[in-house]
C-alpha atoms as a PDB file:
ATOM      1  CA  MET A   1     118.805 -50.130 194.804  1.00  0.00           C
ATOM      2  CA  ARG A   2     118.651 -51.864 191.450  1.00  0.00           C
ATOM      3  CA  LYS A   3     120.051 -48.762 189.744  1.00  0.00           C
ATOM      4  CA  ILE A   4     123.577 -49.185 191.122  1.00  0.00           C
ATOM      5  CA  ARG A   5     125.340 -52.525 191.338  1.00  0.00           C
ATOM      6  CA  ARG A   6     128.735 -53.868 192.320  1.00  0.00           C
ATOM      7  CA  ASN A   7     131.624 -52.957 189.940  1.00  0.00           C
ATOM      8  CA  ASP A   8     129.741 -49.928 188.551  1.00  0.00           C
ATOM      9  CA  THR A   9     131.666 -46.664 188.216  1.00  0.00           C
ATOM     10  CA  VAL A  10     129.938 -43.892 190.155  1.00  0.00           C
ATOM     11  CA  MET A  11     130.492 -40.194 190.869  1.00  0.00           C
ATOM     12  CA  VAL A  12     129.829 -38.667 194.289  1.00  0.00           C
ATOM     13  CA  ILE A  13     127.414 -35.711 194.030  1.00  0.00           C
ATOM     14  CA  GLY A  14     127.170 -34.742 197.686  1.00  0.00           C
ATOM     15  CA  GLY A  15     129.256 -34.611 200.829  1.00  0.00           C
ATOM     16  CA  LYS A  16     132.934 -34.049 201.528  1.00  0.00           C
ATOM     17  CA  ASP A  17     134.067 -36.131 198.522  1.00  0.00           C
ATOM     18  CA  ARG A  18     131.832 -34.422 195.934  1.00  0.00           C
ATOM     19  CA  GLY A  19     133.198 -34.825 192.393  1.00  0.00           C
ATOM     20  CA  LYS A  20     135.271 -37.961 193.064  1.00  0.00           C
ATOM     21  CA  THR A  21     134.673 -41.111 191.057  1.00  0.00           C
ATOM     22  CA  GLY A  22     135.246 -44.707 192.054  1.00  0.00           C
ATOM     23  CA  VAL A  23     134.143 -48.296 191.611  1.00  0.00           C
ATOM     24  CA  VAL A  24     131.430 -49.749 193.861  1.00  0.00           C
ATOM     25  CA  ARG A  25     132.965 -52.456 196.053  1.00  0.00           C
ATOM     26  CA  GLU A  26     129.921 -53.393 198.114  1.00  0.00           C
ATOM     27  CA  VAL A  27     126.181 -52.666 198.074  1.00  0.00           C
ATOM     28  CA  LEU A  28     124.298 -52.692 201.386  1.00  0.00           C
ATOM     29  CA  THR A  29     120.714 -52.969 200.138  1.00  0.00           C
ATOM     30  CA  SER A  30     119.022 -53.091 203.536  1.00  0.00           C
ATOM     31  CA  LYS A  31     120.463 -49.672 204.453  1.00  0.00           C
ATOM     32  CA  ASP A  32     120.525 -48.104 200.930  1.00  0.00           C
ATOM     33  CA  ARG A  33     124.270 -47.571 201.239  1.00  0.00           C
ATOM     34  CA  LEU A  34     127.354 -48.248 199.078  1.00  0.00           C
ATOM     35  CA  VAL A  35     131.056 -48.706 199.695  1.00  0.00           C
ATOM     36  CA  VAL A  36     133.020 -46.955 196.920  1.00  0.00           C
ATOM     37  CA  GLU A  37     136.722 -47.564 196.333  1.00  0.00           C
ATOM     38  CA  GLY A  38     138.880 -44.581 197.385  1.00  0.00           C
ATOM     39  CA  VAL A  39     135.936 -42.443 198.544  1.00  0.00           C
ATOM     40  CA  ASN A  40     134.778 -41.489 202.078  1.00  0.00           C
ATOM     41  CA  LEU A  41     137.992 -42.630 203.743  1.00  0.00           C
ATOM     42  CA  ILE A  42     138.014 -42.856 207.541  1.00  0.00           C
ATOM     43  CA  LYS A  43     140.676 -43.650 210.109  1.00  0.00           C
ATOM     44  CA  LYS A  44     139.814 -46.523 212.409  1.00  0.00           C
ATOM     45  CA  HIS A  45     141.790 -47.200 215.585  1.00  0.00           C
ATOM     46  CA  GLN A  46     142.241 -50.957 215.867  1.00  0.00           C
ATOM     47  CA  ARG A  47     143.364 -52.910 218.890  1.00  0.00           C
ATOM     48  CA  PRO A  48     145.901 -55.711 218.336  1.00  0.00           C
ATOM     49  CA  THR A  49     144.250 -59.147 218.194  1.00  0.00           C
ATOM     50  CA  GLN A  50     145.510 -62.653 218.652  1.00  0.00           C
ATOM     51  CA  GLN A  51     142.949 -65.182 217.448  1.00  0.00           C
ATOM     52  CA  ALA A  52     143.704 -68.812 216.537  1.00  0.00           C
ATOM     53  CA  GLY A  53     147.438 -68.232 216.140  1.00  0.00           C
ATOM     54  CA  VAL A  54     147.046 -65.243 213.792  1.00  0.00           C
ATOM     55  CA  SER A  55     148.223 -62.031 215.365  1.00  0.00           C
ATOM     56  CA  ALA A  56     147.029 -58.819 213.729  1.00  0.00           C
ATOM     57  CA  PRO A  57     148.924 -55.675 214.717  1.00  0.00           C
ATOM     58  CA  GLY A  58     147.053 -52.729 216.110  1.00  0.00           C
ATOM     59  CA  GLY A  59     147.240 -49.158 214.944  1.00  0.00           C
ATOM     60  CA  ILE A  60     145.364 -46.655 212.832  1.00  0.00           C
ATOM     61  CA  VAL A  61     143.833 -48.205 209.705  1.00  0.00           C
ATOM     62  CA  VAL A  62     142.526 -46.115 206.784  1.00  0.00           C
ATOM     63  CA  LYS A  63     139.456 -47.696 205.159  1.00  0.00           C
ATOM     64  CA  GLU A  64     136.376 -46.787 203.124  1.00  0.00           C
ATOM     65  CA  ALA A  65     133.135 -46.059 204.935  1.00  0.00           C
ATOM     66  CA  SER A  66     129.730 -46.436 203.311  1.00  0.00           C
ATOM     67  CA  LEU A  67     127.847 -43.603 201.560  1.00  0.00           C
ATOM     68  CA  HIS A  68     124.128 -43.236 201.084  1.00  0.00           C
ATOM     69  CA  ALA A  69     123.013 -44.293 197.599  1.00  0.00           C
ATOM     70  CA  SER A  70     121.347 -40.910 196.991  1.00  0.00           C
ATOM     71  CA  ASN A  71     124.772 -39.222 197.089  1.00  0.00           C
ATOM     72  CA  VAL A  72     126.094 -40.978 193.970  1.00  0.00           C
ATOM     73  CA  LEU A  73     125.242 -41.088 190.271  1.00  0.00           C
ATOM     74  CA  LEU A  74     126.201 -43.775 187.786  1.00  0.00           C
ATOM     75  CA  VAL A  75     128.840 -42.801 185.206  1.00  0.00           C
ATOM     76  CA  CYS A  76     127.718 -43.705 181.661  1.00  0.00           C
ATOM     77  CA  LYS A  77     130.322 -45.630 179.645  1.00  0.00           C
ATOM     78  CA  SER A  78     129.401 -44.033 176.324  1.00  0.00           C
ATOM     79  CA  CYS A  79     128.999 -40.336 177.246  1.00  0.00           C
ATOM     80  CA  GLN A  80     131.421 -40.389 180.249  1.00  0.00           C
ATOM     81  CA  LYS A  81     129.093 -38.284 182.425  1.00  0.00           C
ATOM     82  CA  ALA A  82     127.319 -38.831 185.729  1.00  0.00           C
ATOM     83  CA  VAL A  83     123.748 -39.618 184.678  1.00  0.00           C
ATOM     84  CA  ARG A  84     120.402 -40.723 185.960  1.00  0.00           C
ATOM     85  CA  THR A  85     119.253 -44.099 184.687  1.00  0.00           C
ATOM     86  CA  GLY A  86     115.996 -45.620 183.609  1.00  0.00           C
ATOM     87  CA  LEU A  87     114.843 -49.113 182.689  1.00  0.00           C
ATOM     88  CA  ARG A  88     114.040 -50.388 179.213  1.00  0.00           C
ATOM     89  CA  LEU A  89     112.618 -53.748 178.210  1.00  0.00           C
ATOM     90  CA  ARG A  90     114.570 -55.303 175.332  1.00  0.00           C
ATOM     91  CA  PRO A  91     112.732 -57.341 172.679  1.00  0.00           C
ATOM     92  CA  ASP A  92     114.068 -60.567 174.203  1.00  0.00           C
ATOM     93  CA  GLY A  93     112.327 -59.688 177.505  1.00  0.00           C
ATOM     94  CA  VAL A  94     115.375 -58.594 179.524  1.00  0.00           C
ATOM     95  CA  LYS A  95     115.301 -55.364 181.569  1.00  0.00           C
ATOM     96  CA  VAL A  96     118.379 -53.168 181.032  1.00  0.00           C
ATOM     97  CA  ARG A  97     119.506 -49.893 182.580  1.00  0.00           C
ATOM     98  CA  VAL A  98     119.503 -46.961 180.158  1.00  0.00           C
ATOM     99  CA  CYS A  99     121.336 -43.615 180.286  1.00  0.00           C
ATOM    100  CA  LYS A 100     118.862 -40.712 180.421  1.00  0.00           C
ATOM    101  CA  LYS A 101     121.249 -38.365 178.532  1.00  0.00           C
ATOM    102  CA  CYS A 102     122.368 -40.404 175.534  1.00  0.00           C
ATOM    103  CA  GLY A 103     119.827 -43.266 175.548  1.00  0.00           C
ATOM    104  CA  GLU A 104     122.490 -46.010 175.398  1.00  0.00           C
ATOM    105  CA  ASP A 105     122.356 -49.205 177.445  1.00  0.00           C
ATOM    106  CA  VAL A 106     124.496 -49.049 180.570  1.00  0.00           C
ATOM    107  CA  ASP A 107     124.737 -52.828 181.015  1.00  0.00           C
END
């Protein structure tokens, strides 16, 4: 899961939202899943709650569900395409993600 991080722009390559792009909001590393902004929207029926003086109304809430990490590809900033990434060791000893198409650093 080190290939995709929070605030990366990704493109969905499989499923009902194939072709959509969005920003990663949350990474669930234990399950290999991501929550992407505006992608994989679901409707959740919520019951009204009343906890500690705060009352939340009930109703149908539209929210993002998680996707499996294998269904997304990182969008390269320089070539603007969905690409696979690799790792390169810079001379100062830092590992950086590299675009496999254009060879530029993603980070």
